[in-house]
């Protein structure tokens, strides 16, 4: 059984569309803009469909797939690009994960804060 995921945003190269989940309207506009750029640039470069989603526990997942008949989609390049995005935007994804845990899952944030 596949775990449930909540899509935050995504882009589709076939339909030339970007999607942002309205449940996350409280996310700052600068973050929304950055997510928009990440998704659209990914599909422009690699093609297919690219989504950023939350797993049930709040972890951020980056997923990509393509139509079976898409001869231009390069699975190796897409995997490399996902790894590069994850590495370069690690702080963004950690912050989004914390946001999800606090505002969607209603977890106590005291365990996530550094005590000094």
C-alpha atoms as a PDB file:
ATOM      1  CA  UNK A   1       0.000   0.000   0.000  1.00  0.00           C
ATOM      2  CA  UNK A   2       1.451   3.350  -1.038  1.00  0.00           C
ATOM      3  CA  UNK A   3       1.725   6.034   1.616  1.00  0.00           C
ATOM      4  CA  UNK A   4      -0.480   9.075   1.183  1.00  0.00           C
ATOM      5  CA  UNK A   5       1.206  12.220  -0.031  1.00  0.00           C
ATOM      6  CA  UNK A   6       0.028  15.801  -0.175  1.00  0.00           C
ATOM      7  CA  UNK A   7       1.213  17.660  -3.264  1.00  0.00           C
ATOM      8  CA  UNK A   8       2.577  21.130  -2.565  1.00  0.00           C
ATOM      9  CA  UNK A   9       3.225  22.141  -6.168  1.00  0.00           C
ATOM     10  CA  UNK A  10       4.168  20.812  -9.546  1.00  0.00           C
ATOM     11  CA  UNK A  11       4.651  21.496 -13.217  1.00  0.00           C
ATOM     12  CA  UNK A  12       3.597  19.569 -16.289  1.00  0.00           C
ATOM     13  CA  UNK A  13       5.608  19.944 -19.498  1.00  0.00           C
ATOM     14  CA  UNK A  14       2.883  18.288 -21.590  1.00  0.00           C
ATOM     15  CA  UNK A  15       0.158  20.743 -20.617  1.00  0.00           C
ATOM     16  CA  UNK A  16       2.530  23.674 -19.952  1.00  0.00           C
ATOM     17  CA  UNK A  17       0.906  24.197 -16.542  1.00  0.00           C
ATOM     18  CA  UNK A  18       2.037  24.939 -13.001  1.00  0.00           C
ATOM     19  CA  UNK A  19       0.003  23.952  -9.939  1.00  0.00           C
ATOM     20  CA  UNK A  20       0.223  25.250  -6.371  1.00  0.00           C
ATOM     21  CA  UNK A  21      -1.930  23.659  -3.663  1.00  0.00           C
ATOM     22  CA  UNK A  22      -4.271  26.331  -2.252  1.00  0.00           C
ATOM     23  CA  UNK A  23      -3.999  24.727   1.204  1.00  0.00           C
ATOM     24  CA  UNK A  24      -0.556  26.314   1.461  1.00  0.00           C
ATOM     25  CA  UNK A  25      -1.527  29.930   0.711  1.00  0.00           C
ATOM     26  CA  UNK A  26       0.076  31.013   4.006  1.00  0.00           C
ATOM     27  CA  UNK A  27       3.522  30.141   2.633  1.00  0.00           C
ATOM     28  CA  UNK A  28       5.391  33.415   1.954  1.00  0.00           C
ATOM     29  CA  UNK A  29       5.226  34.679  -1.630  1.00  0.00           C
ATOM     30  CA  UNK A  30       9.014  34.551  -1.989  1.00  0.00           C
ATOM     31  CA  UNK A  31       8.931  30.806  -1.226  1.00  0.00           C
ATOM     32  CA  UNK A  32       6.010  30.291  -3.615  1.00  0.00           C
ATOM     33  CA  UNK A  33       7.990  32.094  -6.326  1.00  0.00           C
ATOM     34  CA  UNK A  34      11.059  29.946  -5.688  1.00  0.00           C
ATOM     35  CA  UNK A  35       8.987  26.755  -5.857  1.00  0.00           C
ATOM     36  CA  UNK A  36       7.395  27.954  -9.096  1.00  0.00           C
ATOM     37  CA  UNK A  37      10.822  28.571 -10.627  1.00  0.00           C
ATOM     38  CA  UNK A  38      12.164  25.185  -9.486  1.00  0.00           C
ATOM     39  CA  UNK A  39       9.210  23.280 -10.959  1.00  0.00           C
ATOM     40  CA  UNK A  40       8.991  25.125 -14.258  1.00  0.00           C
ATOM     41  CA  UNK A  41      12.746  25.078 -14.883  1.00  0.00           C
ATOM     42  CA  UNK A  42      12.819  21.356 -14.164  1.00  0.00           C
ATOM     43  CA  UNK A  43      10.129  20.575 -16.727  1.00  0.00           C
ATOM     44  CA  UNK A  44      11.686  22.952 -19.257  1.00  0.00           C
ATOM     45  CA  UNK A  45      15.052  21.202 -18.889  1.00  0.00           C
ATOM     46  CA  UNK A  46      13.981  17.568 -18.510  1.00  0.00           C
ATOM     47  CA  UNK A  47      10.325  17.413 -19.543  1.00  0.00           C
ATOM     48  CA  UNK A  48       7.653  15.224 -18.030  1.00  0.00           C
ATOM     49  CA  UNK A  49       5.850  16.023 -14.811  1.00  0.00           C
ATOM     50  CA  UNK A  50       7.612  17.244 -11.677  1.00  0.00           C
ATOM     51  CA  UNK A  51       6.009  17.529  -8.235  1.00  0.00           C
ATOM     52  CA  UNK A  52       7.075  18.561  -4.770  1.00  0.00           C
ATOM     53  CA  UNK A  53       5.013  16.820  -2.126  1.00  0.00           C
ATOM     54  CA  UNK A  54       4.878  15.987   1.564  1.00  0.00           C
ATOM     55  CA  UNK A  55       4.883  12.413   2.864  1.00  0.00           C
ATOM     56  CA  UNK A  56       2.585  11.631   5.792  1.00  0.00           C
ATOM     57  CA  UNK A  57       5.389  12.343   8.277  1.00  0.00           C
ATOM     58  CA  UNK A  58       6.119  15.762   6.737  1.00  0.00           C
ATOM     59  CA  UNK A  59       9.231  14.863   4.754  1.00  0.00           C
ATOM     60  CA  UNK A  60       9.502  16.646   1.413  1.00  0.00           C
ATOM     61  CA  UNK A  61       9.721  14.451  -1.671  1.00  0.00           C
ATOM     62  CA  UNK A  62      10.609  15.457  -5.216  1.00  0.00           C
ATOM     63  CA  UNK A  63       9.032  13.251  -7.863  1.00  0.00           C
ATOM     64  CA  UNK A  64       9.274  13.146 -11.609  1.00  0.00           C
ATOM     65  CA  UNK A  65       7.694  10.965 -14.231  1.00  0.00           C
ATOM     66  CA  UNK A  66       6.913  10.981 -17.912  1.00  0.00           C
ATOM     67  CA  UNK A  67       4.519   9.480 -20.396  1.00  0.00           C
ATOM     68  CA  UNK A  68       5.636   6.085 -21.660  1.00  0.00           C
ATOM     69  CA  UNK A  69       5.824   7.375 -25.221  1.00  0.00           C
ATOM     70  CA  UNK A  70       7.932  10.453 -24.365  1.00  0.00           C
ATOM     71  CA  UNK A  71      11.167   9.825 -26.253  1.00  0.00           C
ATOM     72  CA  UNK A  72      12.673  13.153 -25.161  1.00  0.00           C
ATOM     73  CA  UNK A  73      12.452  12.471 -21.408  1.00  0.00           C
ATOM     74  CA  UNK A  74      15.809  11.381 -19.991  1.00  0.00           C
ATOM     75  CA  UNK A  75      15.398   9.431 -16.774  1.00  0.00           C
ATOM     76  CA  UNK A  76      19.100   9.669 -15.885  1.00  0.00           C
ATOM     77  CA  UNK A  77      19.157  13.458 -16.319  1.00  0.00           C
ATOM     78  CA  UNK A  78      15.979  13.797 -14.300  1.00  0.00           C
ATOM     79  CA  UNK A  79      17.492  11.807 -11.422  1.00  0.00           C
ATOM     80  CA  UNK A  80      20.632  13.932 -11.487  1.00  0.00           C
ATOM     81  CA  UNK A  81      18.619  17.139 -11.550  1.00  0.00           C
ATOM     82  CA  UNK A  82      16.432  16.008  -8.625  1.00  0.00           C
ATOM     83  CA  UNK A  83      19.604  15.302  -6.622  1.00  0.00           C
ATOM     84  CA  UNK A  84      21.025  18.710  -7.523  1.00  0.00           C
ATOM     85  CA  UNK A  85      17.823  20.519  -6.546  1.00  0.00           C
ATOM     86  CA  UNK A  86      17.640  18.626  -3.248  1.00  0.00           C
ATOM     87  CA  UNK A  87      21.283  19.465  -2.476  1.00  0.00           C
ATOM     88  CA  UNK A  88      21.066  23.147  -3.479  1.00  0.00           C
ATOM     89  CA  UNK A  89      17.716  23.780  -1.786  1.00  0.00           C
ATOM     90  CA  UNK A  90      18.191  21.640   1.322  1.00  0.00           C
ATOM     91  CA  UNK A  91      17.410  24.499   3.731  1.00  0.00           C
ATOM     92  CA  UNK A  92      14.237  25.382   1.820  1.00  0.00           C
ATOM     93  CA  UNK A  93      12.978  21.801   1.993  1.00  0.00           C
ATOM     94  CA  UNK A  94      13.852  21.505   5.695  1.00  0.00           C
ATOM     95  CA  UNK A  95      11.900  24.718   6.369  1.00  0.00           C
ATOM     96  CA  UNK A  96       8.929  23.454   4.333  1.00  0.00           C
ATOM     97  CA  UNK A  97       9.004  20.167   6.241  1.00  0.00           C
ATOM     98  CA  UNK A  98       8.935  22.050   9.546  1.00  0.00           C
ATOM     99  CA  UNK A  99       6.099  24.253   8.262  1.00  0.00           C
ATOM    100  CA  UNK A 100       4.089  21.148   7.335  1.00  0.00           C
ATOM    101  CA  UNK A 101       4.711  19.479  10.686  1.00  0.00           C
ATOM    102  CA  UNK A 102       3.677  22.574  12.637  1.00  0.00           C
ATOM    103  CA  UNK A 103       0.780  23.973  10.607  1.00  0.00           C
ATOM    104  CA  UNK A 104      -0.688  20.875   8.943  1.00  0.00           C
ATOM    105  CA  UNK A 105       0.150  18.048  11.348  1.00  0.00           C
ATOM    106  CA  UNK A 106      -0.132  20.375  14.392  1.00  0.00           C
ATOM    107  CA  UNK A 107       2.991  18.919  15.990  1.00  0.00           C
ATOM    108  CA  UNK A 108       4.631  20.579  18.985  1.00  0.00           C
ATOM    109  CA  UNK A 109       7.565  22.621  17.665  1.00  0.00           C
ATOM    110  CA  UNK A 110       9.567  22.633  20.884  1.00  0.00           C
ATOM    111  CA  UNK A 111      11.336  19.432  19.825  1.00  0.00           C
ATOM    112  CA  UNK A 112      12.543  21.102  16.621  1.00  0.00           C
ATOM    113  CA  UNK A 113      13.980  24.232  18.203  1.00  0.00           C
ATOM    114  CA  UNK A 114      17.605  24.452  19.241  1.00  0.00           C
ATOM    115  CA  UNK A 115      17.985  25.168  22.915  1.00  0.00           C
ATOM    116  CA  UNK A 116      20.757  27.573  23.750  1.00  0.00           C
END
